[in-house]
Amino acid sequence: MSAAADRRRAADLLEELAARTTPGRWTTRGLLATRPEVVAQLPDGGTQHVAEARAGTAGWISTLSPALAGPIAAWLRRAGDDDAEAAAVARLLLGEP
């Protein structure tokens, strides 16, 4: 398979996983029992504990592992000032709107 086809398949996978995953901005809010409490701030203003939506979030969490940090960091460093997608990813990673 070509590199372009791999990129398209990976992009499709990310979109499919995101569609099944708890939406909104995920934040940590202390501990829930002995584990970090991760809460999604939903687009409608409500919140949901991500742990309550395990069926939808498990695929997302396991796919977006720390192994992606190196390639994403390299892409962000290499991106030009006119790369709107890289700028959007950087803002989201930094918690900015």
N, C-alpha and C. Protein backbone atom coordinates (compact mmCIF):
# COMPACT_ATOMS: atom_id res chain seq x y z
N MET A 1 0.85 -1.18 0.00
CA MET A 1 0.00 0.00 0.00
C MET A 1 0.89 1.24 0.00
N SER A 2 0.44 2.30 -0.61
CA SER A 2 1.24 3.52 -0.72
C SER A 2 1.18 4.34 0.56
N ALA A 3 2.16 5.23 0.72
CA ALA A 3 2.19 6.11 1.89
C ALA A 3 0.94 7.00 1.92
N ALA A 4 0.50 7.47 0.76
CA ALA A 4 -0.70 8.31 0.70
C ALA A 4 -1.92 7.53 1.15
N ALA A 5 -2.02 6.29 0.72
CA ALA A 5 -3.16 5.45 1.14
C ALA A 5 -3.11 5.18 2.63
N ASP A 6 -1.91 4.96 3.17
CA ASP A 6 -1.78 4.76 4.62
C ASP A 6 -2.24 6.01 5.38
N ARG A 7 -1.86 7.19 4.90
CA ARG A 7 -2.27 8.44 5.57
C ARG A 7 -3.79 8.59 5.53
N ARG A 8 -4.41 8.27 4.40
CA ARG A 8 -5.87 8.37 4.29
C ARG A 8 -6.55 7.39 5.24
N ARG A 9 -6.05 6.16 5.30
CA ARG A 9 -6.62 5.15 6.20
C ARG A 9 -6.47 5.58 7.65
N ALA A 10 -5.31 6.14 8.01
CA ALA A 10 -5.09 6.61 9.38
C ALA A 10 -6.01 7.78 9.71
N ALA A 11 -6.20 8.68 8.76
CA ALA A 11 -7.11 9.81 8.97
C ALA A 11 -8.54 9.32 9.15
N ASP A 12 -8.94 8.35 8.34
CA ASP A 12 -10.28 7.76 8.46
C ASP A 12 -10.46 7.11 9.84
N LEU A 13 -9.44 6.38 10.29
CA LEU A 13 -9.51 5.73 11.60
C LEU A 13 -9.68 6.75 12.71
N LEU A 14 -8.90 7.84 12.67
CA LEU A 14 -9.04 8.87 13.70
C LEU A 14 -10.45 9.45 13.73
N GLU A 15 -11.00 9.73 12.56
CA GLU A 15 -12.36 10.28 12.50
C GLU A 15 -13.39 9.28 13.01
N GLU A 16 -13.23 8.00 12.67
CA GLU A 16 -14.16 6.98 13.15
C GLU A 16 -14.09 6.85 14.67
N LEU A 17 -12.88 6.82 15.21
CA LEU A 17 -12.72 6.71 16.67
C LEU A 17 -13.28 7.94 17.37
N ALA A 18 -13.02 9.11 16.83
CA ALA A 18 -13.53 10.34 17.44
C ALA A 18 -15.05 10.36 17.46
N ALA A 19 -15.67 9.83 16.42
CA ALA A 19 -17.14 9.81 16.35
C ALA A 19 -17.74 8.91 17.43
N ARG A 20 -17.01 7.88 17.87
CA ARG A 20 -17.51 6.95 18.90
C ARG A 20 -17.11 7.36 20.31
N THR A 21 -16.27 8.36 20.43
CA THR A 21 -15.68 8.73 21.70
C THR A 21 -16.44 9.88 22.35
N THR A 22 -16.39 9.95 23.66
CA THR A 22 -17.00 11.06 24.39
C THR A 22 -16.46 12.37 23.84
N PRO A 23 -17.34 13.25 23.37
CA PRO A 23 -16.87 14.50 22.76
C PRO A 23 -16.44 15.52 23.82
N GLY A 24 -15.94 16.64 23.36
CA GLY A 24 -15.60 17.74 24.24
C GLY A 24 -14.14 17.76 24.64
N ARG A 25 -13.81 18.72 25.44
CA ARG A 25 -12.43 18.90 25.94
C ARG A 25 -12.27 18.05 27.19
N TRP A 26 -11.29 17.17 27.21
CA TRP A 26 -11.05 16.31 28.36
C TRP A 26 -10.07 16.99 29.31
N THR A 27 -10.40 17.00 30.59
CA THR A 27 -9.53 17.59 31.60
C THR A 27 -9.40 16.63 32.78
N THR A 28 -8.36 16.81 33.57
CA THR A 28 -8.23 16.04 34.80
C THR A 28 -8.69 16.91 35.96
N ARG A 29 -9.35 16.28 36.90
CA ARG A 29 -9.91 17.01 38.04
C ARG A 29 -9.64 16.26 39.33
N GLY A 30 -8.42 16.00 39.62
CA GLY A 30 -8.09 15.30 40.85
C GLY A 30 -8.17 13.80 40.69
N LEU A 31 -8.47 13.13 41.79
CA LEU A 31 -8.51 11.67 41.77
C LEU A 31 -9.93 11.15 41.94
N LEU A 32 -10.23 10.08 41.25
CA LEU A 32 -11.47 9.33 41.40
C LEU A 32 -11.03 7.99 41.96
N ALA A 33 -11.30 7.78 43.23
CA ALA A 33 -10.73 6.64 43.97
C ALA A 33 -9.22 6.82 43.95
N THR A 34 -8.50 5.93 43.30
CA THR A 34 -7.04 6.05 43.25
C THR A 34 -6.52 6.42 41.87
N ARG A 35 -7.43 6.69 40.94
CA ARG A 35 -7.04 7.01 39.57
C ARG A 35 -7.39 8.46 39.23
N PRO A 36 -6.65 9.03 38.29
CA PRO A 36 -7.00 10.40 37.88
C PRO A 36 -8.44 10.46 37.34
N GLU A 37 -9.14 11.47 37.74
CA GLU A 37 -10.51 11.68 37.27
C GLU A 37 -10.45 12.48 35.97
N VAL A 38 -10.88 11.87 34.88
CA VAL A 38 -10.88 12.55 33.58
C VAL A 38 -12.33 12.87 33.23
N VAL A 39 -12.58 14.15 33.00
CA VAL A 39 -13.93 14.63 32.74
C VAL A 39 -13.96 15.31 31.38
N ALA A 40 -14.98 14.97 30.60
CA ALA A 40 -15.18 15.62 29.30
C ALA A 40 -16.15 16.78 29.50
N GLN A 41 -15.75 17.95 29.02
CA GLN A 41 -16.64 19.10 29.01
C GLN A 41 -17.36 19.03 27.66
N LEU A 42 -18.63 18.68 27.69
CA LEU A 42 -19.39 18.43 26.47
C LEU A 42 -19.76 19.72 25.76
N PRO A 43 -19.97 19.65 24.45
CA PRO A 43 -20.32 20.84 23.68
C PRO A 43 -21.57 21.56 24.18
N ASP A 44 -22.51 20.82 24.81
CA ASP A 44 -23.74 21.45 25.31
C ASP A 44 -23.57 22.08 26.68
N GLY A 45 -22.34 22.06 27.22
CA GLY A 45 -22.07 22.66 28.52
C GLY A 45 -22.06 21.67 29.66
N GLY A 46 -22.56 20.47 29.44
CA GLY A 46 -22.56 19.44 30.47
C GLY A 46 -21.19 18.79 30.59
N THR A 47 -21.09 17.86 31.52
CA THR A 47 -19.86 17.11 31.69
C THR A 47 -20.16 15.62 31.78
N GLN A 48 -19.16 14.81 31.50
CA GLN A 48 -19.29 13.37 31.63
C GLN A 48 -17.94 12.81 32.04
N HIS A 49 -17.94 11.92 33.02
CA HIS A 49 -16.72 11.23 33.38
C HIS A 49 -16.37 10.30 32.23
N VAL A 50 -15.16 10.40 31.73
CA VAL A 50 -14.75 9.58 30.60
C VAL A 50 -14.81 8.10 30.98
N ALA A 51 -14.55 7.79 32.24
CA ALA A 51 -14.62 6.39 32.69
C ALA A 51 -16.02 5.81 32.54
N GLU A 52 -17.05 6.65 32.56
CA GLU A 52 -18.42 6.18 32.40
C GLU A 52 -18.73 5.80 30.95
N ALA A 53 -17.87 6.18 30.04
CA ALA A 53 -18.09 5.92 28.62
C ALA A 53 -17.00 5.02 28.06
N ARG A 54 -16.56 4.06 28.84
CA ARG A 54 -15.43 3.21 28.46
C ARG A 54 -15.59 2.55 27.09
N ALA A 55 -16.78 2.08 26.77
CA ALA A 55 -16.98 1.39 25.49
C ALA A 55 -16.61 2.30 24.32
N GLY A 56 -16.92 3.57 24.43
CA GLY A 56 -16.61 4.50 23.34
C GLY A 56 -15.21 5.05 23.39
N THR A 57 -14.60 5.12 24.58
CA THR A 57 -13.30 5.76 24.69
C THR A 57 -12.12 4.80 24.64
N ALA A 58 -12.33 3.52 24.85
CA ALA A 58 -11.22 2.57 24.91
C ALA A 58 -10.42 2.56 23.61
N GLY A 59 -11.10 2.52 22.48
CA GLY A 59 -10.40 2.52 21.20
C GLY A 59 -9.59 3.78 20.99
N TRP A 60 -10.17 4.91 21.39
CA TRP A 60 -9.47 6.19 21.26
C TRP A 60 -8.20 6.20 22.10
N ILE A 61 -8.34 5.81 23.36
CA ILE A 61 -7.20 5.84 24.27
C ILE A 61 -6.10 4.89 23.81
N SER A 62 -6.46 3.68 23.39
CA SER A 62 -5.44 2.72 22.99
C SER A 62 -4.78 3.09 21.66
N THR A 63 -5.50 3.78 20.80
CA THR A 63 -4.92 4.20 19.52
C THR A 63 -4.00 5.40 19.69
N LEU A 64 -4.40 6.34 20.52
CA LEU A 64 -3.59 7.54 20.72
C LEU A 64 -2.63 7.34 21.89
N SER A 65 -1.76 6.40 21.73
CA SER A 65 -0.79 6.06 22.77
C SER A 65 0.38 7.03 22.75
N PRO A 66 1.23 7.00 23.78
CA PRO A 66 2.42 7.85 23.80
C PRO A 66 3.36 7.61 22.62
N ALA A 67 3.21 6.50 21.92
CA ALA A 67 4.04 6.24 20.75
C ALA A 67 3.84 7.29 19.67
N LEU A 68 2.71 7.98 19.68
CA LEU A 68 2.44 9.02 18.68
C LEU A 68 3.16 10.33 18.99
N ALA A 69 3.67 10.49 20.19
CA ALA A 69 4.29 11.76 20.58
C ALA A 69 5.45 12.15 19.66
N GLY A 70 6.33 11.22 19.37
CA GLY A 70 7.49 11.53 18.52
C GLY A 70 7.11 11.99 17.13
N PRO A 71 6.28 11.22 16.42
CA PRO A 71 5.89 11.67 15.07
C PRO A 71 5.09 12.98 15.08
N ILE A 72 4.21 13.16 16.05
CA ILE A 72 3.44 14.41 16.10
C ILE A 72 4.35 15.58 16.42
N ALA A 73 5.26 15.40 17.37
CA ALA A 73 6.20 16.48 17.72
C ALA A 73 7.07 16.84 16.52
N ALA A 74 7.54 15.84 15.79
CA ALA A 74 8.37 16.11 14.61
C ALA A 74 7.58 16.87 13.55
N TRP A 75 6.32 16.47 13.33
CA TRP A 75 5.46 17.17 12.35
C TRP A 75 5.24 18.62 12.78
N LEU A 76 4.97 18.84 14.07
CA LEU A 76 4.73 20.20 14.54
C LEU A 76 5.98 21.07 14.39
N ARG A 77 7.14 20.50 14.65
CA ARG A 77 8.39 21.27 14.51
C ARG A 77 8.70 21.56 13.04
N ARG A 78 8.34 20.66 12.16
CA ARG A 78 8.64 20.79 10.74
C ARG A 78 7.63 21.68 10.01
N ALA A 79 6.44 21.81 10.55
CA ALA A 79 5.36 22.54 9.87
C ALA A 79 5.72 24.01 9.69
N GLY A 80 5.29 24.55 8.57
CA GLY A 80 5.52 25.96 8.29
C GLY A 80 4.47 26.83 8.98
N ASP A 81 4.74 28.12 9.02
CA ASP A 81 3.82 29.06 9.64
C ASP A 81 2.46 29.09 8.96
N ASP A 82 2.39 28.64 7.72
CA ASP A 82 1.13 28.67 6.97
C ASP A 82 0.36 27.35 7.06
N ASP A 83 0.81 26.42 7.91
CA ASP A 83 0.16 25.12 8.07
C ASP A 83 -0.95 25.26 9.13
N ALA A 84 -2.17 25.51 8.67
CA ALA A 84 -3.30 25.75 9.58
C ALA A 84 -3.62 24.52 10.44
N GLU A 85 -3.48 23.33 9.87
CA GLU A 85 -3.78 22.12 10.63
C GLU A 85 -2.79 21.93 11.77
N ALA A 86 -1.51 22.17 11.52
CA ALA A 86 -0.50 22.06 12.57
C ALA A 86 -0.75 23.10 13.66
N ALA A 87 -1.12 24.30 13.25
CA ALA A 87 -1.42 25.35 14.24
C ALA A 87 -2.61 24.96 15.09
N ALA A 88 -3.63 24.36 14.47
CA ALA A 88 -4.82 23.94 15.22
C ALA A 88 -4.47 22.83 16.21
N VAL A 89 -3.66 21.86 15.78
CA VAL A 89 -3.25 20.78 16.68
C VAL A 89 -2.44 21.37 17.84
N ALA A 90 -1.54 22.27 17.56
CA ALA A 90 -0.74 22.88 18.63
C ALA A 90 -1.61 23.59 19.64
N ARG A 91 -2.58 24.37 19.17
CA ARG A 91 -3.49 25.08 20.09
C ARG A 91 -4.27 24.11 20.96
N LEU A 92 -4.80 23.04 20.35
CA LEU A 92 -5.57 22.06 21.11
C LEU A 92 -4.69 21.36 22.15
N LEU A 93 -3.47 21.00 21.77
CA LEU A 93 -2.58 20.36 22.72
C LEU A 93 -2.24 21.29 23.88
N LEU A 94 -2.18 22.57 23.61
CA LEU A 94 -1.85 23.56 24.65
C LEU A 94 -3.08 24.02 25.44
N GLY A 95 -4.24 23.48 25.08
CA GLY A 95 -5.47 23.83 25.79
C GLY A 95 -6.02 25.20 25.44
N GLU A 96 -5.65 25.69 24.29
CA GLU A 96 -6.12 27.00 23.84
C GLU A 96 -7.25 26.82 22.84
N PRO A 97 -8.15 27.81 22.75
CA PRO A 97 -9.27 27.70 21.80
C PRO A 97 -8.83 27.80 20.36
